[in-house]
């Protein structure tokens, strides 16, 4: 977490310097401040600093050194059990195709009926993915 905090403070300083240079360059070149770019760059600095402060507070609240920050730790020490995954499952693929069809129907304004036809496919994909361990070879 220490390295993340340092990287985010470096990003904050970089964005502040970049925003100052950008704003000054626009003042010199055009004679006015270009608000969209300047506010976006300073907003990036604010967000990076915000996350850095949050991580500092979390680190202070935990009170100990994390596994990632110890010098003598291995990669396996910080490797928790994330969960159970199904590499053979086709349901995520089906659900992504159904959602792609839904978004395609929304993007093509005159073909919005594609979205309505893809809603049942989305429902089938979600139900199939949730209940894939309740039937067949991998049932519990």
N, C-alpha and C. Protein backbone atom coordinates (compact mmCIF):
# COMPACT_ATOMS: atom_id res chain seq x y z
N UNK A 1 0.82 -1.18 0.00
CA UNK A 1 0.00 0.00 0.00
C UNK A 1 0.87 1.26 0.00
N UNK A 2 2.06 1.14 0.57
CA UNK A 2 2.95 2.29 0.58
C UNK A 2 3.34 2.71 -0.84
N UNK A 3 3.61 1.71 -1.66
CA UNK A 3 4.00 2.04 -3.04
C UNK A 3 2.84 2.67 -3.80
N UNK A 4 1.62 2.23 -3.54
CA UNK A 4 0.45 2.85 -4.18
C UNK A 4 0.29 4.30 -3.76
N UNK A 5 0.52 4.56 -2.49
CA UNK A 5 0.40 5.93 -1.98
C UNK A 5 1.45 6.82 -2.62
N UNK A 6 2.68 6.32 -2.70
CA UNK A 6 3.75 7.12 -3.31
C UNK A 6 3.46 7.38 -4.78
N UNK A 7 3.00 6.35 -5.50
CA UNK A 7 2.69 6.53 -6.93
C UNK A 7 1.56 7.54 -7.11
N UNK A 8 0.55 7.48 -6.27
CA UNK A 8 -0.57 8.43 -6.41
C UNK A 8 -0.15 9.85 -6.06
N UNK A 9 0.75 10.04 -5.08
CA UNK A 9 1.24 11.39 -4.80
C UNK A 9 2.11 11.90 -5.95
N UNK A 10 2.87 11.02 -6.59
CA UNK A 10 3.65 11.43 -7.77
C UNK A 10 2.71 11.83 -8.90
N UNK A 11 1.64 11.06 -9.10
CA UNK A 11 0.65 11.42 -10.12
C UNK A 11 -0.03 12.75 -9.81
N UNK A 12 -0.31 12.98 -8.54
CA UNK A 12 -0.93 14.26 -8.15
C UNK A 12 -0.01 15.42 -8.49
N UNK A 13 1.26 15.30 -8.12
CA UNK A 13 2.22 16.37 -8.43
C UNK A 13 2.37 16.55 -9.94
N UNK A 14 2.41 15.43 -10.67
CA UNK A 14 2.54 15.51 -12.13
C UNK A 14 1.35 16.24 -12.74
N UNK A 15 0.14 15.89 -12.32
CA UNK A 15 -1.04 16.55 -12.88
C UNK A 15 -1.10 18.02 -12.51
N UNK A 16 -0.66 18.38 -11.32
CA UNK A 16 -0.65 19.80 -10.95
C UNK A 16 0.34 20.57 -11.83
N UNK A 17 1.54 20.01 -12.02
CA UNK A 17 2.53 20.67 -12.87
C UNK A 17 2.02 20.73 -14.31
N UNK A 18 1.46 19.63 -14.80
CA UNK A 18 0.94 19.60 -16.16
C UNK A 18 -0.21 20.58 -16.34
N UNK A 19 -1.10 20.67 -15.36
CA UNK A 19 -2.20 21.62 -15.45
C UNK A 19 -1.72 23.05 -15.45
N UNK A 20 -0.70 23.35 -14.66
CA UNK A 20 -0.15 24.71 -14.63
C UNK A 20 0.50 25.05 -15.97
N UNK A 21 1.27 24.12 -16.52
CA UNK A 21 1.90 24.35 -17.82
C UNK A 21 0.84 24.50 -18.91
N UNK A 22 -0.17 23.66 -18.88
CA UNK A 22 -1.23 23.72 -19.89
C UNK A 22 -1.99 25.05 -19.82
N UNK A 23 -2.34 25.45 -18.62
CA UNK A 23 -3.07 26.71 -18.46
C UNK A 23 -2.20 27.89 -18.87
N UNK A 24 -0.93 27.88 -18.44
CA UNK A 24 -0.02 28.97 -18.83
C UNK A 24 0.21 29.01 -20.33
N UNK A 25 0.35 27.86 -20.94
CA UNK A 25 0.55 27.80 -22.39
C UNK A 25 -0.66 28.37 -23.12
N UNK A 26 -1.87 28.04 -22.67
CA UNK A 26 -3.06 28.61 -23.30
C UNK A 26 -3.16 30.10 -23.08
N UNK A 27 -2.76 30.58 -21.92
CA UNK A 27 -2.78 32.03 -21.68
C UNK A 27 -1.80 32.75 -22.60
N UNK A 28 -0.62 32.16 -22.78
CA UNK A 28 0.39 32.79 -23.63
C UNK A 28 -0.01 32.71 -25.11
N UNK A 29 -0.49 31.53 -25.52
CA UNK A 29 -0.78 31.32 -26.94
C UNK A 29 -2.08 31.99 -27.38
N UNK A 30 -3.16 31.77 -26.62
CA UNK A 30 -4.47 32.25 -27.05
C UNK A 30 -4.95 33.48 -26.28
N UNK A 31 -4.39 33.72 -25.14
CA UNK A 31 -4.80 34.87 -24.36
C UNK A 31 -5.95 34.60 -23.42
N UNK A 32 -6.40 33.39 -23.32
CA UNK A 32 -7.48 33.03 -22.40
C UNK A 32 -7.25 31.61 -21.89
N UNK A 33 -7.97 31.28 -20.82
CA UNK A 33 -7.86 29.95 -20.23
C UNK A 33 -8.84 29.02 -20.94
N UNK A 34 -8.35 27.86 -21.35
CA UNK A 34 -9.21 26.85 -21.95
C UNK A 34 -9.70 25.97 -20.81
N UNK A 35 -10.96 26.20 -20.40
CA UNK A 35 -11.46 25.64 -19.16
C UNK A 35 -11.67 24.14 -19.20
N UNK A 36 -12.02 23.58 -20.34
CA UNK A 36 -12.29 22.14 -20.39
C UNK A 36 -11.03 21.33 -20.09
N UNK A 37 -9.93 21.66 -20.74
CA UNK A 37 -8.69 20.92 -20.51
C UNK A 37 -8.10 21.19 -19.15
N UNK A 38 -8.10 22.45 -18.74
CA UNK A 38 -7.52 22.81 -17.44
C UNK A 38 -8.28 22.15 -16.29
N UNK A 39 -9.60 22.20 -16.35
CA UNK A 39 -10.37 21.59 -15.27
C UNK A 39 -10.24 20.06 -15.28
N UNK A 40 -10.10 19.46 -16.47
CA UNK A 40 -9.92 18.00 -16.54
C UNK A 40 -8.58 17.59 -15.93
N UNK A 41 -7.53 18.34 -16.22
CA UNK A 41 -6.21 17.99 -15.68
C UNK A 41 -6.17 18.23 -14.17
N UNK A 42 -6.69 19.36 -13.73
CA UNK A 42 -6.72 19.60 -12.28
C UNK A 42 -7.68 18.63 -11.57
N UNK A 43 -8.73 18.20 -12.26
CA UNK A 43 -9.62 17.19 -11.69
C UNK A 43 -8.91 15.86 -11.53
N UNK A 44 -8.06 15.50 -12.49
CA UNK A 44 -7.25 14.29 -12.35
C UNK A 44 -6.30 14.39 -11.17
N UNK A 45 -5.73 15.57 -10.96
CA UNK A 45 -4.85 15.78 -9.79
C UNK A 45 -5.64 15.64 -8.50
N UNK A 46 -6.83 16.21 -8.48
CA UNK A 46 -7.67 16.10 -7.28
C UNK A 46 -8.03 14.65 -6.98
N UNK A 47 -8.40 13.90 -8.02
CA UNK A 47 -8.80 12.50 -7.80
C UNK A 47 -7.62 11.65 -7.34
N UNK A 48 -6.44 11.86 -7.94
CA UNK A 48 -5.27 11.09 -7.51
C UNK A 48 -4.91 11.43 -6.07
N UNK A 49 -4.96 12.71 -5.71
CA UNK A 49 -4.69 13.10 -4.32
C UNK A 49 -5.75 12.58 -3.37
N UNK A 50 -6.98 12.57 -3.81
CA UNK A 50 -8.08 12.05 -2.98
C UNK A 50 -7.87 10.57 -2.66
N UNK A 51 -7.50 9.79 -3.67
CA UNK A 51 -7.27 8.36 -3.45
C UNK A 51 -6.04 8.15 -2.58
N UNK A 52 -5.00 8.98 -2.77
CA UNK A 52 -3.79 8.86 -1.94
C UNK A 52 -4.10 9.14 -0.47
N UNK A 53 -4.89 10.17 -0.21
CA UNK A 53 -5.27 10.49 1.17
C UNK A 53 -6.11 9.36 1.77
N UNK A 54 -7.02 8.82 0.97
CA UNK A 54 -7.85 7.72 1.45
C UNK A 54 -6.99 6.51 1.81
N UNK A 55 -6.04 6.17 0.96
CA UNK A 55 -5.17 5.03 1.25
C UNK A 55 -4.29 5.29 2.47
N UNK A 56 -3.88 6.53 2.66
CA UNK A 56 -3.10 6.85 3.86
C UNK A 56 -3.94 6.65 5.11
N UNK A 57 -5.19 7.08 5.07
CA UNK A 57 -6.07 6.91 6.22
C UNK A 57 -6.36 5.43 6.48
N UNK A 58 -6.53 4.65 5.42
CA UNK A 58 -6.77 3.21 5.59
C UNK A 58 -5.54 2.55 6.18
N UNK A 59 -4.36 2.94 5.72
CA UNK A 59 -3.14 2.35 6.25
C UNK A 59 -2.96 2.70 7.73
N UNK A 60 -3.27 3.92 8.09
CA UNK A 60 -3.17 4.33 9.49
C UNK A 60 -4.17 3.58 10.35
N UNK A 61 -5.37 3.35 9.81
CA UNK A 61 -6.41 2.66 10.56
C UNK A 61 -6.08 1.18 10.77
N UNK A 62 -5.43 0.54 9.79
CA UNK A 62 -5.08 -0.87 9.92
C UNK A 62 -4.02 -1.09 10.98
N UNK A 63 -3.13 -0.16 11.12
CA UNK A 63 -2.16 -0.22 12.20
C UNK A 63 -0.99 -1.14 11.99
N UNK A 64 -1.04 -2.04 11.04
CA UNK A 64 0.06 -2.96 10.81
C UNK A 64 0.60 -2.81 9.40
N UNK A 65 1.63 -3.57 9.14
CA UNK A 65 2.23 -3.56 7.81
C UNK A 65 1.57 -4.66 6.99
N UNK A 66 1.15 -4.31 5.79
CA UNK A 66 0.54 -5.30 4.92
C UNK A 66 1.58 -6.28 4.39
N UNK A 67 1.12 -7.39 3.89
CA UNK A 67 2.01 -8.41 3.36
C UNK A 67 2.78 -7.87 2.15
N UNK A 68 2.14 -7.04 1.36
CA UNK A 68 2.79 -6.49 0.18
C UNK A 68 3.93 -5.54 0.53
N UNK A 69 3.90 -4.97 1.72
CA UNK A 69 4.92 -3.99 2.12
C UNK A 69 6.10 -4.60 2.85
N UNK A 70 6.03 -5.87 3.22
CA UNK A 70 7.15 -6.51 3.92
C UNK A 70 8.24 -6.88 2.92
N UNK A 71 9.48 -6.77 3.37
CA UNK A 71 10.61 -7.09 2.50
C UNK A 71 10.79 -8.59 2.30
N UNK A 72 10.46 -9.39 3.30
CA UNK A 72 10.72 -10.82 3.24
C UNK A 72 9.50 -11.66 2.84
N UNK A 73 8.47 -11.05 2.28
CA UNK A 73 7.27 -11.80 1.93
C UNK A 73 7.38 -12.37 0.51
N UNK A 74 6.68 -13.47 0.30
CA UNK A 74 6.60 -14.08 -1.02
C UNK A 74 5.27 -13.70 -1.68
N UNK A 75 5.16 -14.02 -2.95
CA UNK A 75 3.93 -13.72 -3.67
C UNK A 75 2.78 -14.54 -3.11
N UNK A 76 3.05 -15.77 -2.71
CA UNK A 76 2.00 -16.65 -2.21
C UNK A 76 1.47 -16.22 -0.85
N UNK A 77 2.21 -15.40 -0.12
CA UNK A 77 1.73 -14.96 1.20
C UNK A 77 0.49 -14.07 1.09
N UNK A 78 0.41 -13.27 0.06
CA UNK A 78 -0.73 -12.37 -0.10
C UNK A 78 -1.75 -12.87 -1.08
N UNK A 79 -1.74 -14.16 -1.38
CA UNK A 79 -2.64 -14.73 -2.37
C UNK A 79 -3.84 -15.37 -1.69
N UNK A 80 -4.94 -14.62 -1.51
CA UNK A 80 -6.10 -15.20 -0.83
C UNK A 80 -6.93 -16.06 -1.77
N UNK A 81 -7.81 -16.81 -1.21
CA UNK A 81 -8.77 -17.58 -2.00
C UNK A 81 -9.83 -16.62 -2.51
N UNK A 82 -9.87 -16.40 -3.79
CA UNK A 82 -10.77 -15.40 -4.37
C UNK A 82 -12.16 -15.97 -4.54
N UNK A 83 -12.26 -17.21 -4.93
CA UNK A 83 -13.58 -17.79 -5.14
C UNK A 83 -13.48 -18.96 -6.08
N UNK A 84 -14.62 -19.42 -6.51
CA UNK A 84 -14.68 -20.55 -7.41
C UNK A 84 -15.09 -20.07 -8.78
N UNK A 85 -14.32 -20.44 -9.77
CA UNK A 85 -14.58 -20.02 -11.13
C UNK A 85 -14.78 -21.23 -12.02
N UNK A 86 -15.57 -21.08 -13.04
CA UNK A 86 -15.87 -22.16 -13.96
C UNK A 86 -15.23 -21.86 -15.32
N UNK A 87 -14.05 -22.39 -15.58
CA UNK A 87 -13.42 -22.09 -16.86
C UNK A 87 -14.14 -22.74 -18.04
N UNK A 88 -15.00 -23.72 -17.80
CA UNK A 88 -15.71 -24.42 -18.87
C UNK A 88 -17.06 -23.78 -19.18
N UNK A 89 -17.45 -22.77 -18.44
CA UNK A 89 -18.79 -22.21 -18.56
C UNK A 89 -18.92 -21.34 -19.81
N UNK A 90 -20.01 -21.54 -20.53
CA UNK A 90 -20.32 -20.74 -21.70
C UNK A 90 -21.33 -19.64 -21.38
N UNK A 91 -21.85 -19.60 -20.17
CA UNK A 91 -22.87 -18.61 -19.82
C UNK A 91 -22.36 -17.17 -19.85
N UNK A 92 -21.16 -16.87 -19.38
CA UNK A 92 -20.70 -15.48 -19.51
C UNK A 92 -20.61 -15.01 -20.96
N UNK A 93 -20.20 -15.92 -21.84
CA UNK A 93 -20.12 -15.58 -23.26
C UNK A 93 -21.51 -15.29 -23.82
N UNK A 94 -22.49 -16.12 -23.47
CA UNK A 94 -23.85 -15.91 -23.94
C UNK A 94 -24.43 -14.60 -23.41
N UNK A 95 -24.16 -14.34 -22.12
CA UNK A 95 -24.67 -13.10 -21.53
C UNK A 95 -24.02 -11.88 -22.17
N UNK A 96 -22.73 -11.95 -22.47
CA UNK A 96 -22.07 -10.81 -23.11
C UNK A 96 -22.62 -10.58 -24.52
N UNK A 97 -22.92 -11.64 -25.25
CA UNK A 97 -23.53 -11.47 -26.57
C UNK A 97 -24.92 -10.85 -26.46
N UNK A 98 -25.70 -11.29 -25.48
CA UNK A 98 -27.05 -10.74 -25.30
C UNK A 98 -26.98 -9.26 -24.92
N UNK A 99 -26.07 -8.91 -24.04
CA UNK A 99 -25.93 -7.50 -23.65
C UNK A 99 -25.41 -6.67 -24.82
N UNK A 100 -24.53 -7.26 -25.64
CA UNK A 100 -24.05 -6.55 -26.83
C UNK A 100 -25.18 -6.27 -27.80
N UNK A 101 -26.06 -7.24 -27.97
CA UNK A 101 -27.23 -7.01 -28.82
C UNK A 101 -28.14 -5.93 -28.25
N UNK A 102 -28.30 -5.93 -26.93
CA UNK A 102 -29.13 -4.91 -26.28
C UNK A 102 -28.56 -3.52 -26.52
N UNK A 103 -27.25 -3.37 -26.33
CA UNK A 103 -26.61 -2.06 -26.52
C UNK A 103 -26.62 -1.67 -28.00
N UNK A 104 -26.44 -2.65 -28.88
CA UNK A 104 -26.50 -2.36 -30.31
C UNK A 104 -27.87 -1.83 -30.69
N UNK A 105 -28.92 -2.43 -30.13
CA UNK A 105 -30.27 -1.94 -30.40
C UNK A 105 -30.49 -0.53 -29.88
N UNK A 106 -29.86 -0.20 -28.74
CA UNK A 106 -29.98 1.17 -28.23
C UNK A 106 -29.20 2.16 -29.08
N UNK A 107 -28.05 1.73 -29.58
CA UNK A 107 -27.22 2.63 -30.38
C UNK A 107 -27.83 2.91 -31.75
N UNK A 108 -28.44 1.91 -32.34
CA UNK A 108 -29.11 2.10 -33.62
C UNK A 108 -30.54 2.55 -33.34
N UNK A 109 -30.76 3.83 -33.37
CA UNK A 109 -32.03 4.39 -32.94
C UNK A 109 -33.23 3.86 -33.68
N UNK A 110 -33.09 3.57 -34.98
CA UNK A 110 -34.22 3.10 -35.75
C UNK A 110 -34.44 1.60 -35.60
N UNK A 111 -33.50 0.89 -35.00
CA UNK A 111 -33.63 -0.55 -34.78
C UNK A 111 -33.70 -0.87 -33.29
N UNK A 112 -34.47 -0.11 -32.55
CA UNK A 112 -34.55 -0.33 -31.10
C UNK A 112 -35.25 -1.64 -30.76
N UNK A 113 -35.93 -2.25 -31.72
CA UNK A 113 -36.60 -3.53 -31.48
C UNK A 113 -35.59 -4.63 -31.17
N UNK A 114 -34.33 -4.46 -31.60
CA UNK A 114 -33.30 -5.45 -31.27
C UNK A 114 -33.12 -5.52 -29.76
N UNK A 115 -33.22 -4.39 -29.09
CA UNK A 115 -33.08 -4.37 -27.63
C UNK A 115 -34.20 -5.17 -26.98
N UNK A 116 -35.40 -5.02 -27.48
CA UNK A 116 -36.52 -5.75 -26.89
C UNK A 116 -36.40 -7.25 -27.13
N UNK A 117 -35.85 -7.64 -28.27
CA UNK A 117 -35.68 -9.06 -28.55
C UNK A 117 -34.52 -9.66 -27.75
N UNK A 118 -33.57 -8.84 -27.33
CA UNK A 118 -32.42 -9.37 -26.59
C UNK A 118 -32.67 -9.45 -25.09
N UNK A 119 -33.72 -8.84 -24.58
CA UNK A 119 -34.01 -8.90 -23.14
C UNK A 119 -34.24 -10.33 -22.67
N UNK A 120 -35.02 -11.16 -23.39
CA UNK A 120 -35.14 -12.56 -22.94
C UNK A 120 -33.81 -13.31 -22.97
N UNK A 121 -32.95 -13.00 -23.94
CA UNK A 121 -31.63 -13.63 -23.97
C UNK A 121 -30.80 -13.24 -22.76
N UNK A 122 -30.91 -11.97 -22.34
CA UNK A 122 -30.20 -11.52 -21.13
C UNK A 122 -30.71 -12.26 -19.90
N UNK A 123 -32.00 -12.41 -19.80
CA UNK A 123 -32.57 -13.10 -18.64
C UNK A 123 -32.13 -14.56 -18.62
N UNK A 124 -32.16 -15.22 -19.79
CA UNK A 124 -31.73 -16.62 -19.85
C UNK A 124 -30.25 -16.74 -19.50
N UNK A 125 -29.43 -15.81 -19.97
CA UNK A 125 -28.00 -15.84 -19.65
C UNK A 125 -27.73 -15.66 -18.17
N UNK A 126 -28.43 -14.74 -17.53
CA UNK A 126 -28.24 -14.52 -16.09
C UNK A 126 -28.70 -15.73 -15.29
N UNK A 127 -29.88 -16.25 -15.62
CA UNK A 127 -30.40 -17.41 -14.90
C UNK A 127 -29.50 -18.63 -15.12
N UNK A 128 -29.04 -18.83 -16.34
CA UNK A 128 -28.17 -19.95 -16.61
C UNK A 128 -26.84 -19.86 -15.87
N UNK A 129 -26.29 -18.66 -15.81
CA UNK A 129 -25.01 -18.49 -15.13
C UNK A 129 -25.15 -18.67 -13.62
N UNK A 130 -26.25 -18.18 -13.06
CA UNK A 130 -26.46 -18.31 -11.62
C UNK A 130 -26.72 -19.76 -11.23
N UNK A 131 -27.50 -20.47 -12.03
CA UNK A 131 -27.91 -21.83 -11.67
C UNK A 131 -27.13 -22.93 -12.40
N UNK A 132 -25.94 -22.65 -12.89
CA UNK A 132 -25.23 -23.68 -13.65
C UNK A 132 -24.75 -24.82 -12.78
N UNK A 133 -24.61 -24.62 -11.48
CA UNK A 133 -24.15 -25.69 -10.60
C UNK A 133 -25.30 -26.50 -10.00
N UNK A 134 -26.54 -26.21 -10.40
CA UNK A 134 -27.68 -26.91 -9.83
C UNK A 134 -28.18 -28.05 -10.71
N UNK A 135 -27.60 -28.22 -11.90
CA UNK A 135 -28.03 -29.31 -12.79
C UNK A 135 -26.81 -29.87 -13.52
N UNK A 136 -26.97 -31.02 -14.08
CA UNK A 136 -25.96 -31.62 -14.92
C UNK A 136 -24.81 -32.23 -14.16
N UNK A 137 -23.67 -32.30 -14.82
CA UNK A 137 -22.49 -32.99 -14.30
C UNK A 137 -21.93 -32.31 -13.04
N UNK A 138 -22.04 -31.01 -12.93
CA UNK A 138 -21.45 -30.28 -11.81
C UNK A 138 -22.45 -29.91 -10.72
N UNK A 139 -23.58 -30.59 -10.70
CA UNK A 139 -24.60 -30.30 -9.69
C UNK A 139 -24.10 -30.70 -8.30
N UNK A 140 -24.56 -29.94 -7.31
CA UNK A 140 -24.16 -30.22 -5.93
C UNK A 140 -25.27 -30.93 -5.20
